[in-house]
Amino acid sequence: MGRRKGELTLLMEVASKWPWKVSAALVPISFIVLHLTAAAFDHTAAPANLADLGPVVIHQGIHWFAAFLQYILPVIFLAAAVVSFVSGWPVDMW
């Protein structure tokens, strides 16, 4: 039985099959969107009681997830663009 690949590895494989211009365009787009998302969910009000804790936890989870992925996804898309660009070169060029 084969080992299951992670989601980021699968994203890298799929993105490397796209034209390199698509992956290259997704580098700044993914950074900007995730950076704005992380900034929007950065400040949350302190919960007044235990019932108010749920939305705070959700906001902090979204903030952490976006803050982490704002650096990971652009690197994956950049690597996929390079792989797609290099694989599109003619073989006799080497």
C-alpha atoms as a PDB file:
ATOM      1  CA  MET A   1       0.000   0.000   0.000  1.00  0.00           C
ATOM      2  CA  GLY A   2       1.423   3.344  -1.043  1.00  0.00           C
ATOM      3  CA  ARG A   3       2.011   6.192   1.293  1.00  0.00           C
ATOM      4  CA  ARG A   4      -0.526   9.008   1.114  1.00  0.00           C
ATOM      5  CA  LYS A   5       0.815  12.346  -0.029  1.00  0.00           C
ATOM      6  CA  GLY A   6       0.121  15.532   1.889  1.00  0.00           C
ATOM      7  CA  GLU A   7      -2.156  18.261   0.621  1.00  0.00           C
ATOM      8  CA  LEU A   8       0.701  20.690  -0.007  1.00  0.00           C
ATOM      9  CA  THR A   9       2.555  18.070  -2.051  1.00  0.00           C
ATOM     10  CA  LEU A  10      -0.557  17.436  -4.108  1.00  0.00           C
ATOM     11  CA  LEU A  11      -0.995  21.178  -4.623  1.00  0.00           C
ATOM     12  CA  MET A  12       2.607  21.383  -5.839  1.00  0.00           C
ATOM     13  CA  GLU A  13       2.050  18.532  -8.315  1.00  0.00           C
ATOM     14  CA  VAL A  14      -1.173  20.024  -9.660  1.00  0.00           C
ATOM     15  CA  ALA A  15       0.228  23.559  -9.904  1.00  0.00           C
ATOM     16  CA  SER A  16       3.300  22.309 -11.773  1.00  0.00           C
ATOM     17  CA  LYS A  17       0.992  20.954 -14.491  1.00  0.00           C
ATOM     18  CA  TRP A  18      -0.521  24.415 -15.082  1.00  0.00           C
ATOM     19  CA  PRO A  19       1.148  26.889 -17.439  1.00  0.00           C
ATOM     20  CA  TRP A  20       4.003  28.574 -15.617  1.00  0.00           C
ATOM     21  CA  LYS A  21       2.394  31.990 -16.013  1.00  0.00           C
ATOM     22  CA  VAL A  22      -0.641  30.866 -14.006  1.00  0.00           C
ATOM     23  CA  SER A  23       1.502  29.616 -11.123  1.00  0.00           C
ATOM     24  CA  ALA A  24       3.657  32.747 -11.265  1.00  0.00           C
ATOM     25  CA  ALA A  25       0.567  34.967 -11.146  1.00  0.00           C
ATOM     26  CA  LEU A  26      -0.709  33.094  -8.088  1.00  0.00           C
ATOM     27  CA  VAL A  27       2.447  33.939  -6.096  1.00  0.00           C
ATOM     28  CA  PRO A  28       1.602  37.593  -5.335  1.00  0.00           C
ATOM     29  CA  ILE A  29      -2.156  36.990  -5.400  1.00  0.00           C
ATOM     30  CA  SER A  30      -1.985  34.267  -2.741  1.00  0.00           C
ATOM     31  CA  PHE A  31       0.332  36.348  -0.560  1.00  0.00           C
ATOM     32  CA  ILE A  32      -1.833  39.477  -0.748  1.00  0.00           C
ATOM     33  CA  VAL A  33      -5.130  37.660  -0.151  1.00  0.00           C
ATOM     34  CA  LEU A  34      -3.798  35.664   2.791  1.00  0.00           C
ATOM     35  CA  HIS A  35      -1.990  38.686   4.247  1.00  0.00           C
ATOM     36  CA  LEU A  36      -5.178  40.753   4.130  1.00  0.00           C
ATOM     37  CA  THR A  37      -7.131  37.865   5.665  1.00  0.00           C
ATOM     38  CA  ALA A  38      -4.594  37.511   8.476  1.00  0.00           C
ATOM     39  CA  ALA A  39      -4.664  41.252   9.093  1.00  0.00           C
ATOM     40  CA  ALA A  40      -8.466  41.345   9.140  1.00  0.00           C
ATOM     41  CA  PHE A  41      -8.667  38.612  11.778  1.00  0.00           C
ATOM     42  CA  ASP A  42      -5.702  39.852  13.830  1.00  0.00           C
ATOM     43  CA  HIS A  43      -7.484  41.805  16.547  1.00  0.00           C
ATOM     44  CA  THR A  44     -10.344  40.215  18.392  1.00  0.00           C
ATOM     45  CA  ALA A  45     -12.094  41.471  21.497  1.00  0.00           C
ATOM     46  CA  ALA A  46     -11.436  39.650  24.730  1.00  0.00           C
ATOM     47  CA  PRO A  47     -14.331  37.391  25.700  1.00  0.00           C
ATOM     48  CA  ALA A  48     -16.490  38.715  28.494  1.00  0.00           C
ATOM     49  CA  ASN A  49     -17.615  35.236  29.538  1.00  0.00           C
ATOM     50  CA  LEU A  50     -17.261  31.623  28.494  1.00  0.00           C
ATOM     51  CA  ALA A  51     -20.094  31.868  25.943  1.00  0.00           C
ATOM     52  CA  ASP A  52     -18.127  34.502  24.003  1.00  0.00           C
ATOM     53  CA  LEU A  53     -15.073  32.264  23.695  1.00  0.00           C
ATOM     54  CA  GLY A  54     -16.201  30.430  20.530  1.00  0.00           C
ATOM     55  CA  PRO A  55     -15.970  33.341  18.080  1.00  0.00           C
ATOM     56  CA  VAL A  56     -12.615  34.370  19.554  1.00  0.00           C
ATOM     57  CA  VAL A  57     -11.188  30.891  18.993  1.00  0.00           C
ATOM     58  CA  ILE A  58     -12.515  30.815  15.425  1.00  0.00           C
ATOM     59  CA  HIS A  59     -11.057  34.256  14.636  1.00  0.00           C
ATOM     60  CA  GLN A  60      -7.682  33.297  16.067  1.00  0.00           C
ATOM     61  CA  GLY A  61      -7.711  30.027  14.115  1.00  0.00           C
ATOM     62  CA  ILE A  62      -8.405  31.855  10.862  1.00  0.00           C
ATOM     63  CA  HIS A  63      -5.700  34.399  11.695  1.00  0.00           C
ATOM     64  CA  TRP A  64      -3.114  31.708  12.466  1.00  0.00           C
ATOM     65  CA  PHE A  65      -4.025  29.656   9.379  1.00  0.00           C
ATOM     66  CA  ALA A  66      -3.807  32.679   7.039  1.00  0.00           C
ATOM     67  CA  ALA A  67      -0.627  33.990   8.675  1.00  0.00           C
ATOM     68  CA  PHE A  68       1.054  30.607   8.237  1.00  0.00           C
ATOM     69  CA  LEU A  69      -0.110  30.011   4.670  1.00  0.00           C
ATOM     70  CA  GLN A  70       0.733  33.525   3.452  1.00  0.00           C
ATOM     71  CA  TYR A  71       4.374  32.392   3.312  1.00  0.00           C
ATOM     72  CA  ILE A  72       3.925  28.729   2.402  1.00  0.00           C
ATOM     73  CA  LEU A  73       1.584  29.003  -0.608  1.00  0.00           C
ATOM     74  CA  PRO A  74       3.633  31.592  -2.550  1.00  0.00           C
ATOM     75  CA  VAL A  75       6.730  29.408  -2.192  1.00  0.00           C
ATOM     76  CA  ILE A  76       4.805  26.392  -3.469  1.00  0.00           C
ATOM     77  CA  PHE A  77       3.400  28.344  -6.414  1.00  0.00           C
ATOM     78  CA  LEU A  78       6.846  29.763  -7.217  1.00  0.00           C
ATOM     79  CA  ALA A  79       8.431  26.312  -7.164  1.00  0.00           C
ATOM     80  CA  ALA A  80       5.601  24.981  -9.335  1.00  0.00           C
ATOM     81  CA  ALA A  81       6.121  27.825 -11.814  1.00  0.00           C
ATOM     82  CA  VAL A  82       9.819  26.999 -12.052  1.00  0.00           C
ATOM     83  CA  VAL A  83       9.092  23.282 -12.540  1.00  0.00           C
ATOM     84  CA  SER A  84       6.474  24.051 -15.189  1.00  0.00           C
ATOM     85  CA  PHE A  85       8.799  26.500 -16.972  1.00  0.00           C
ATOM     86  CA  VAL A  86      11.744  24.089 -17.000  1.00  0.00           C
ATOM     87  CA  SER A  87       9.622  21.131 -18.104  1.00  0.00           C
ATOM     88  CA  GLY A  88       8.364  23.184 -21.052  1.00  0.00           C
ATOM     89  CA  TRP A  89      11.848  23.718 -22.465  1.00  0.00           C
ATOM     90  CA  PRO A  90      12.861  21.678 -25.502  1.00  0.00           C
ATOM     91  CA  VAL A  91      14.867  18.591 -24.640  1.00  0.00           C
ATOM     92  CA  ASP A  92      17.553  19.213 -27.281  1.00  0.00           C
ATOM     93  CA  MET A  93      18.372  22.524 -25.603  1.00  0.00           C
ATOM     94  CA  TRP A  94      20.407  20.657 -23.002  1.00  0.00           C
END
